[in-house]
Amino acid sequence: MTQFDPSDLSNMSDLAAIEPAEFSRLVKSTPDATIAEIMTGPHRGAILDAIFERFPKVFRADQAAGTTAVMHWQVGGAPDGGFDTYQVVIEDGVCTSSATTDREPRLTLAMGPVEFLKLISGSGNPMMMFMTGKVKAKGDLGLATSLPKFFDLPKG
């Protein structure tokens, strides 16, 4: 796969098997319009689930020592015009993620689906996305700036 192709996503277990570096290459090589199309289509939920299921696997506990944080990620552009919200919790040296948002967040990050995939794949500049309003942060902005060191995500 050289770029995201909606017809290639029929088996979503393949997405979960894609290594972060390969995922980053896919996002970089795919036009924004194609990403937007995919993220408003039938595979959106499975793509988001696969990404958030990976958060605990790429968590760097050594870098987050002593950190307790609940973060809500709001990914806009849902087919109904709304957004999907996921919760990522760092507590006692462990990271968990869930589509259930049952705790008060210390930080809420909101963005469109294209921006989310670019941010999470290391294909976008987080500071520039924030400065241009493509990523909105509410709450602990210091925590937001620390996130890149807490997770072993691809770098641009």
N, C-alpha and C. Protein backbone atom coordinates (compact mmCIF):
# COMPACT_ATOMS: atom_id res chain seq x y z
N MET A 1 0.85 -1.18 0.00
CA MET A 1 0.00 0.00 0.00
C MET A 1 0.89 1.24 0.00
N THR A 2 0.71 2.12 -0.98
CA THR A 2 1.52 3.34 -1.04
C THR A 2 0.78 4.54 -0.50
N GLN A 3 -0.54 4.47 -0.46
CA GLN A 3 -1.34 5.50 0.18
C GLN A 3 -2.64 4.85 0.63
N PHE A 4 -3.38 5.55 1.49
CA PHE A 4 -4.67 5.03 1.94
C PHE A 4 -5.58 4.88 0.74
N ASP A 5 -6.25 3.77 0.67
CA ASP A 5 -7.21 3.52 -0.40
C ASP A 5 -8.42 2.88 0.27
N PRO A 6 -9.60 3.51 0.17
CA PRO A 6 -10.78 2.96 0.83
C PRO A 6 -11.05 1.50 0.46
N SER A 7 -10.74 1.10 -0.76
CA SER A 7 -11.01 -0.28 -1.16
C SER A 7 -10.04 -1.26 -0.51
N ASP A 8 -8.88 -0.78 -0.05
CA ASP A 8 -7.91 -1.65 0.62
C ASP A 8 -8.23 -1.86 2.10
N LEU A 9 -9.25 -1.17 2.61
CA LEU A 9 -9.54 -1.23 4.04
C LEU A 9 -10.64 -2.23 4.38
N SER A 10 -10.88 -3.18 3.50
CA SER A 10 -11.95 -4.13 3.76
C SER A 10 -11.64 -5.02 4.95
N ASN A 11 -10.39 -5.28 5.21
CA ASN A 11 -10.01 -6.09 6.36
C ASN A 11 -9.30 -5.18 7.37
N MET A 12 -10.04 -4.69 8.34
CA MET A 12 -9.50 -3.71 9.28
C MET A 12 -8.44 -4.30 10.20
N SER A 13 -8.35 -5.62 10.31
CA SER A 13 -7.28 -6.19 11.13
C SER A 13 -5.93 -5.89 10.49
N ASP A 14 -5.91 -5.67 9.16
CA ASP A 14 -4.68 -5.29 8.49
C ASP A 14 -4.19 -3.94 9.01
N LEU A 15 -5.09 -3.03 9.29
CA LEU A 15 -4.72 -1.71 9.79
C LEU A 15 -4.02 -1.83 11.14
N ALA A 16 -4.54 -2.66 12.00
CA ALA A 16 -3.93 -2.83 13.33
C ALA A 16 -2.53 -3.41 13.22
N ALA A 17 -2.24 -4.14 12.15
CA ALA A 17 -0.93 -4.76 11.97
C ALA A 17 0.10 -3.81 11.36
N ILE A 18 -0.34 -2.67 10.84
CA ILE A 18 0.58 -1.73 10.22
C ILE A 18 1.44 -1.08 11.29
N GLU A 19 2.74 -1.12 11.09
CA GLU A 19 3.67 -0.50 12.03
C GLU A 19 3.53 1.03 11.96
N PRO A 20 3.82 1.73 13.05
CA PRO A 20 3.68 3.19 13.07
C PRO A 20 4.43 3.90 11.95
N ALA A 21 5.65 3.47 11.62
CA ALA A 21 6.41 4.14 10.56
C ALA A 21 5.73 3.97 9.21
N GLU A 22 5.18 2.79 8.94
CA GLU A 22 4.46 2.56 7.69
C GLU A 22 3.17 3.39 7.66
N PHE A 23 2.48 3.45 8.78
CA PHE A 23 1.27 4.27 8.88
C PHE A 23 1.59 5.73 8.57
N SER A 24 2.71 6.21 9.10
CA SER A 24 3.14 7.58 8.84
C SER A 24 3.38 7.79 7.36
N ARG A 25 4.04 6.86 6.70
CA ARG A 25 4.28 6.98 5.25
C ARG A 25 2.96 7.01 4.48
N LEU A 26 2.00 6.17 4.90
CA LEU A 26 0.69 6.15 4.23
C LEU A 26 -0.01 7.50 4.34
N VAL A 27 -0.02 8.05 5.54
CA VAL A 27 -0.69 9.34 5.75
C VAL A 27 0.00 10.43 4.93
N LYS A 28 1.34 10.44 4.95
CA LYS A 28 2.08 11.46 4.20
C LYS A 28 1.81 11.39 2.71
N SER A 29 1.65 10.18 2.18
CA SER A 29 1.51 10.01 0.73
C SER A 29 0.07 10.11 0.24
N THR A 30 -0.87 10.26 1.16
CA THR A 30 -2.28 10.30 0.78
C THR A 30 -2.78 11.74 0.77
N PRO A 31 -3.41 12.16 -0.33
CA PRO A 31 -3.96 13.52 -0.37
C PRO A 31 -4.99 13.75 0.74
N ASP A 32 -5.04 14.97 1.23
CA ASP A 32 -5.98 15.32 2.30
C ASP A 32 -7.43 14.97 1.93
N ALA A 33 -7.80 15.18 0.69
CA ALA A 33 -9.18 14.89 0.27
C ALA A 33 -9.50 13.40 0.40
N THR A 34 -8.52 12.55 0.13
CA THR A 34 -8.72 11.11 0.25
C THR A 34 -8.84 10.72 1.72
N ILE A 35 -7.99 11.32 2.56
CA ILE A 35 -8.08 11.05 4.00
C ILE A 35 -9.45 11.47 4.52
N ALA A 36 -9.90 12.65 4.11
CA ALA A 36 -11.22 13.14 4.56
C ALA A 36 -12.32 12.19 4.11
N GLU A 37 -12.23 11.68 2.89
CA GLU A 37 -13.22 10.74 2.38
C GLU A 37 -13.24 9.45 3.20
N ILE A 38 -12.08 8.93 3.49
CA ILE A 38 -11.98 7.70 4.28
C ILE A 38 -12.55 7.93 5.68
N MET A 39 -12.22 9.09 6.27
CA MET A 39 -12.61 9.35 7.65
C MET A 39 -14.07 9.78 7.80
N THR A 40 -14.81 9.88 6.71
CA THR A 40 -16.25 10.09 6.80
C THR A 40 -16.99 8.85 6.30
N GLY A 41 -16.24 7.82 5.99
CA GLY A 41 -16.83 6.60 5.46
C GLY A 41 -17.05 5.52 6.51
N PRO A 42 -17.39 4.33 6.05
CA PRO A 42 -17.76 3.24 6.95
C PRO A 42 -16.61 2.69 7.80
N HIS A 43 -15.37 3.01 7.45
CA HIS A 43 -14.23 2.47 8.19
C HIS A 43 -13.72 3.41 9.27
N ARG A 44 -14.34 4.57 9.40
CA ARG A 44 -13.88 5.58 10.36
C ARG A 44 -13.73 5.01 11.78
N GLY A 45 -14.77 4.38 12.29
CA GLY A 45 -14.74 3.87 13.65
C GLY A 45 -13.63 2.85 13.86
N ALA A 46 -13.47 1.96 12.90
CA ALA A 46 -12.43 0.93 13.03
C ALA A 46 -11.03 1.56 12.97
N ILE A 47 -10.86 2.58 12.15
CA ILE A 47 -9.57 3.26 12.07
C ILE A 47 -9.26 3.95 13.40
N LEU A 48 -10.22 4.70 13.92
CA LEU A 48 -10.01 5.38 15.19
C LEU A 48 -9.77 4.37 16.31
N ASP A 49 -10.56 3.31 16.36
CA ASP A 49 -10.36 2.28 17.39
C ASP A 49 -8.95 1.70 17.32
N ALA A 50 -8.48 1.39 16.11
CA ALA A 50 -7.14 0.80 15.94
C ALA A 50 -6.06 1.77 16.43
N ILE A 51 -6.24 3.05 16.13
CA ILE A 51 -5.24 4.04 16.56
C ILE A 51 -5.24 4.16 18.08
N PHE A 52 -6.41 4.28 18.69
CA PHE A 52 -6.45 4.46 20.14
C PHE A 52 -6.08 3.19 20.90
N GLU A 53 -6.31 2.04 20.31
CA GLU A 53 -5.86 0.79 20.95
C GLU A 53 -4.34 0.72 21.00
N ARG A 54 -3.69 1.45 20.12
CA ARG A 54 -2.23 1.42 20.07
C ARG A 54 -1.59 2.36 21.10
N PHE A 55 -2.32 3.34 21.60
CA PHE A 55 -1.75 4.29 22.56
C PHE A 55 -1.03 3.58 23.71
N PRO A 56 -1.64 2.62 24.41
CA PRO A 56 -0.93 1.96 25.50
C PRO A 56 0.33 1.23 25.05
N LYS A 57 0.36 0.77 23.80
CA LYS A 57 1.51 0.02 23.29
C LYS A 57 2.70 0.94 22.99
N VAL A 58 2.44 2.20 22.67
CA VAL A 58 3.52 3.13 22.35
C VAL A 58 3.80 4.10 23.51
N PHE A 59 3.17 3.84 24.64
CA PHE A 59 3.36 4.67 25.82
C PHE A 59 4.76 4.47 26.39
N ARG A 60 5.39 5.57 26.77
CA ARG A 60 6.73 5.54 27.34
C ARG A 60 6.63 5.89 28.82
N ALA A 61 6.41 4.89 29.65
CA ALA A 61 6.21 5.09 31.08
C ALA A 61 7.39 5.81 31.72
N ASP A 62 8.59 5.55 31.24
CA ASP A 62 9.77 6.20 31.80
C ASP A 62 9.73 7.72 31.62
N GLN A 63 9.10 8.18 30.56
CA GLN A 63 9.01 9.61 30.29
C GLN A 63 7.83 10.27 31.02
N ALA A 64 6.89 9.47 31.44
CA ALA A 64 5.68 10.01 32.08
C ALA A 64 5.67 9.74 33.58
N ALA A 65 6.82 9.41 34.14
CA ALA A 65 6.89 9.10 35.57
C ALA A 65 6.27 10.22 36.39
N GLY A 66 5.39 9.85 37.29
CA GLY A 66 4.74 10.81 38.18
C GLY A 66 3.59 11.58 37.55
N THR A 67 3.29 11.30 36.29
CA THR A 67 2.22 12.02 35.60
C THR A 67 0.89 11.30 35.79
N THR A 68 -0.11 12.05 36.16
CA THR A 68 -1.49 11.56 36.19
C THR A 68 -2.30 12.50 35.33
N ALA A 69 -2.93 11.94 34.30
CA ALA A 69 -3.66 12.81 33.38
C ALA A 69 -4.78 12.04 32.69
N VAL A 70 -5.89 12.72 32.53
CA VAL A 70 -6.99 12.22 31.71
C VAL A 70 -7.11 13.19 30.54
N MET A 71 -7.06 12.63 29.33
CA MET A 71 -7.15 13.44 28.12
C MET A 71 -8.32 12.96 27.28
N HIS A 72 -9.04 13.89 26.73
CA HIS A 72 -10.10 13.58 25.79
C HIS A 72 -9.65 14.06 24.41
N TRP A 73 -9.78 13.19 23.43
CA TRP A 73 -9.46 13.51 22.04
C TRP A 73 -10.77 13.56 21.29
N GLN A 74 -11.09 14.71 20.74
CA GLN A 74 -12.32 14.87 19.95
C GLN A 74 -11.92 14.97 18.47
N VAL A 75 -12.34 13.98 17.71
CA VAL A 75 -12.02 13.94 16.29
C VAL A 75 -13.29 14.27 15.51
N GLY A 76 -13.30 15.45 14.90
CA GLY A 76 -14.46 15.92 14.16
C GLY A 76 -14.59 15.23 12.81
N GLY A 77 -15.58 15.69 12.06
CA GLY A 77 -15.77 15.17 10.72
C GLY A 77 -16.49 13.85 10.63
N ALA A 78 -17.24 13.50 11.67
CA ALA A 78 -18.01 12.26 11.63
C ALA A 78 -19.09 12.37 10.54
N PRO A 79 -19.54 11.24 10.02
CA PRO A 79 -20.55 11.28 8.96
C PRO A 79 -21.80 12.10 9.31
N ASP A 80 -22.14 12.13 10.60
CA ASP A 80 -23.33 12.90 11.02
C ASP A 80 -22.99 14.37 11.29
N GLY A 81 -21.74 14.76 11.01
CA GLY A 81 -21.32 16.13 11.24
C GLY A 81 -20.76 16.36 12.63
N GLY A 82 -20.82 15.37 13.48
CA GLY A 82 -20.33 15.49 14.85
C GLY A 82 -18.89 15.06 14.99
N PHE A 83 -18.57 14.54 16.16
CA PHE A 83 -17.21 14.10 16.43
C PHE A 83 -17.24 12.84 17.28
N ASP A 84 -16.13 12.14 17.26
CA ASP A 84 -15.93 10.97 18.13
C ASP A 84 -14.96 11.39 19.22
N THR A 85 -15.24 10.98 20.44
CA THR A 85 -14.37 11.33 21.56
C THR A 85 -13.79 10.06 22.16
N TYR A 86 -12.49 10.09 22.37
CA TYR A 86 -11.78 8.98 23.02
C TYR A 86 -11.09 9.52 24.25
N GLN A 87 -10.89 8.66 25.22
CA GLN A 87 -10.24 9.04 26.47
C GLN A 87 -8.93 8.28 26.58
N VAL A 88 -7.87 9.00 26.90
CA VAL A 88 -6.56 8.41 27.17
C VAL A 88 -6.21 8.80 28.61
N VAL A 89 -5.87 7.80 29.41
CA VAL A 89 -5.56 8.04 30.82
C VAL A 89 -4.14 7.56 31.10
N ILE A 90 -3.36 8.42 31.74
CA ILE A 90 -2.03 8.07 32.24
C ILE A 90 -2.13 8.12 33.75
N GLU A 91 -1.84 6.97 34.38
CA GLU A 91 -1.99 6.89 35.84
C GLU A 91 -1.17 5.73 36.36
N ASP A 92 -0.40 5.98 37.40
CA ASP A 92 0.41 4.94 38.03
C ASP A 92 1.33 4.24 37.04
N GLY A 93 1.89 5.01 36.10
CA GLY A 93 2.83 4.46 35.14
C GLY A 93 2.22 3.62 34.03
N VAL A 94 0.90 3.70 33.89
CA VAL A 94 0.20 2.90 32.89
C VAL A 94 -0.66 3.82 32.04
N CYS A 95 -0.81 3.47 30.78
CA CYS A 95 -1.67 4.22 29.88
C CYS A 95 -2.81 3.31 29.44
N THR A 96 -4.02 3.85 29.48
CA THR A 96 -5.18 3.13 28.97
C THR A 96 -5.93 4.06 28.02
N SER A 97 -6.68 3.47 27.11
CA SER A 97 -7.50 4.29 26.21
C SER A 97 -8.84 3.62 26.03
N SER A 98 -9.83 4.45 25.71
CA SER A 98 -11.19 3.95 25.62
C SER A 98 -12.06 4.93 24.83
N ALA A 99 -13.11 4.39 24.22
CA ALA A 99 -14.10 5.25 23.57
C ALA A 99 -15.13 5.75 24.58
N THR A 100 -14.96 5.34 25.83
CA THR A 100 -15.84 5.80 26.91
C THR A 100 -15.16 6.95 27.64
N THR A 101 -15.83 8.08 27.70
CA THR A 101 -15.26 9.25 28.38
C THR A 101 -15.99 9.43 29.72
N ASP A 102 -15.49 8.71 30.72
CA ASP A 102 -16.17 8.69 32.01
C ASP A 102 -15.43 9.45 33.10
N ARG A 103 -14.36 10.15 32.73
CA ARG A 103 -13.59 10.91 33.72
C ARG A 103 -13.41 12.35 33.25
N GLU A 104 -13.28 13.23 34.20
CA GLU A 104 -13.07 14.65 33.89
C GLU A 104 -11.67 14.83 33.28
N PRO A 105 -11.58 15.46 32.10
CA PRO A 105 -10.26 15.59 31.46
C PRO A 105 -9.44 16.73 32.04
N ARG A 106 -8.15 16.49 32.08
CA ARG A 106 -7.20 17.55 32.41
C ARG A 106 -6.86 18.33 31.12
N LEU A 107 -7.03 17.65 29.99
CA LEU A 107 -6.75 18.25 28.69
C LEU A 107 -7.73 17.68 27.67
N THR A 108 -8.30 18.54 26.84
CA THR A 108 -9.14 18.12 25.72
C THR A 108 -8.52 18.66 24.45
N LEU A 109 -8.29 17.76 23.50
CA LEU A 109 -7.75 18.14 22.19
C LEU A 109 -8.83 17.91 21.16
N ALA A 110 -9.10 18.90 20.34
CA ALA A 110 -10.13 18.80 19.31
C ALA A 110 -9.53 19.16 17.96
N MET A 111 -9.88 18.36 16.95
CA MET A 111 -9.36 18.60 15.61
C MET A 111 -10.18 17.83 14.59
N GLY A 112 -9.99 18.16 13.33
CA GLY A 112 -10.64 17.44 12.25
C GLY A 112 -9.94 16.12 12.00
N PRO A 113 -10.54 15.26 11.19
CA PRO A 113 -9.98 13.93 10.96
C PRO A 113 -8.65 13.95 10.21
N VAL A 114 -8.49 14.85 9.27
CA VAL A 114 -7.23 14.92 8.53
C VAL A 114 -6.12 15.37 9.48
N GLU A 115 -6.41 16.39 10.27
CA GLU A 115 -5.43 16.90 11.22
C GLU A 115 -5.07 15.83 12.25
N PHE A 116 -6.07 15.06 12.69
CA PHE A 116 -5.81 14.01 13.66
C PHE A 116 -4.83 12.99 13.10
N LEU A 117 -5.10 12.51 11.89
CA LEU A 117 -4.21 11.49 11.30
C LEU A 117 -2.81 12.06 11.08
N LYS A 118 -2.73 13.31 10.67
CA LYS A 118 -1.41 13.92 10.47
C LYS A 118 -0.67 14.08 11.80
N LEU A 119 -1.39 14.49 12.82
CA LEU A 119 -0.78 14.67 14.14
C LEU A 119 -0.28 13.35 14.70
N ILE A 120 -1.12 12.34 14.66
CA ILE A 120 -0.82 11.05 15.28
C ILE A 120 0.24 10.27 14.50
N SER A 121 0.37 10.58 13.20
CA SER A 121 1.35 9.87 12.38
C SER A 121 2.68 10.62 12.30
N GLY A 122 2.75 11.79 12.93
CA GLY A 122 3.96 12.58 12.87
C GLY A 122 4.13 13.33 11.57
N SER A 123 3.07 13.38 10.76
CA SER A 123 3.14 14.03 9.45
C SER A 123 2.82 15.52 9.53
N GLY A 124 2.32 15.97 10.64
CA GLY A 124 1.96 17.38 10.80
C GLY A 124 2.76 18.01 11.92
N ASN A 125 2.93 19.30 11.87
CA ASN A 125 3.64 20.04 12.89
C ASN A 125 2.63 20.45 13.97
N PRO A 126 2.68 19.81 15.15
CA PRO A 126 1.68 20.09 16.19
C PRO A 126 1.60 21.57 16.58
N MET A 127 2.74 22.23 16.69
CA MET A 127 2.73 23.63 17.10
C MET A 127 2.07 24.50 16.03
N MET A 128 2.39 24.24 14.78
CA MET A 128 1.80 25.01 13.69
C MET A 128 0.29 24.73 13.61
N MET A 129 -0.11 23.49 13.82
CA MET A 129 -1.53 23.13 13.79
C MET A 129 -2.27 23.86 14.90
N PHE A 130 -1.64 23.98 16.07
CA PHE A 130 -2.25 24.68 17.19
C PHE A 130 -2.32 26.18 16.89
N MET A 131 -1.23 26.73 16.39
CA MET A 131 -1.16 28.18 16.13
C MET A 131 -2.16 28.61 15.05
N THR A 132 -2.46 27.72 14.10
CA THR A 132 -3.40 28.07 13.02
C THR A 132 -4.84 27.65 13.35
N GLY A 133 -5.05 27.10 14.55
CA GLY A 133 -6.40 26.75 14.97
C GLY A 133 -6.91 25.42 14.44
N LYS A 134 -6.05 24.65 13.79
CA LYS A 134 -6.46 23.34 13.28
C LYS A 134 -6.55 22.31 14.40
N VAL A 135 -5.81 22.55 15.47
CA VAL A 135 -5.89 21.74 16.69
C VAL A 135 -6.21 22.70 17.80
N LYS A 136 -7.25 22.38 18.56
CA LYS A 136 -7.64 23.22 19.68
C LYS A 136 -7.38 22.44 20.97
N ALA A 137 -6.84 23.12 21.94
CA ALA A 137 -6.54 22.50 23.23
C ALA A 137 -7.24 23.29 24.32
N LYS A 138 -7.88 22.57 25.22
CA LYS A 138 -8.56 23.19 26.36
C LYS A 138 -8.06 22.49 27.62
N GLY A 139 -7.61 23.28 28.57
CA GLY A 139 -7.12 22.69 29.81
C GLY A 139 -5.63 22.92 29.96
N ASP A 140 -4.92 21.90 30.39
CA ASP A 140 -3.50 21.97 30.72
C ASP A 140 -2.64 21.97 29.45
N LEU A 141 -2.26 23.17 29.00
CA LEU A 141 -1.45 23.28 27.79
C LEU A 141 -0.04 22.75 28.00
N GLY A 142 0.45 22.78 29.24
CA GLY A 142 1.75 22.18 29.55
C GLY A 142 1.73 20.69 29.28
N LEU A 143 0.63 20.04 29.63
CA LEU A 143 0.48 18.61 29.34
C LEU A 143 0.48 18.38 27.83
N ALA A 144 -0.19 19.25 27.10
CA ALA A 144 -0.24 19.12 25.64
C ALA A 144 1.16 19.14 25.05
N THR A 145 2.02 20.02 25.54
CA THR A 145 3.37 20.10 25.00
C THR A 145 4.23 18.91 25.40
N SER A 146 3.84 18.19 26.46
CA SER A 146 4.59 17.02 26.92
C SER A 146 4.19 15.74 26.19
N LEU A 147 3.05 15.73 25.55
CA LEU A 147 2.55 14.50 24.94
C LEU A 147 3.54 13.81 23.99
N PRO A 148 4.25 14.55 23.14
CA PRO A 148 5.18 13.86 22.24
C PRO A 148 6.23 13.00 22.94
N LYS A 149 6.66 13.40 24.13
CA LYS A 149 7.66 12.59 24.82
C LYS A 149 7.04 11.39 25.54
N PHE A 150 5.72 11.42 25.78
CA PHE A 150 5.06 10.32 26.48
C PHE A 150 4.74 9.13 25.56
N PHE A 151 4.75 9.38 24.26
CA PHE A 151 4.35 8.33 23.31
C PHE A 151 5.40 8.19 22.21
N ASP A 152 5.75 6.99 21.88
CA ASP A 152 6.73 6.72 20.83
C ASP A 152 6.02 6.70 19.49
N LEU A 153 5.75 7.89 18.99
CA LEU A 153 5.05 8.06 17.72
C LEU A 153 6.05 8.44 16.64
N PRO A 154 5.72 8.17 15.38
CA PRO A 154 6.64 8.56 14.30
C PRO A 154 6.88 10.06 14.32
N LYS A 155 8.06 10.45 13.93
CA LYS A 155 8.42 11.85 13.84
C LYS A 155 8.54 12.21 12.37
N GLY A 156 7.78 13.27 11.99
CA GLY A 156 7.76 13.82 10.64
C GLY A 156 8.72 13.23 9.71
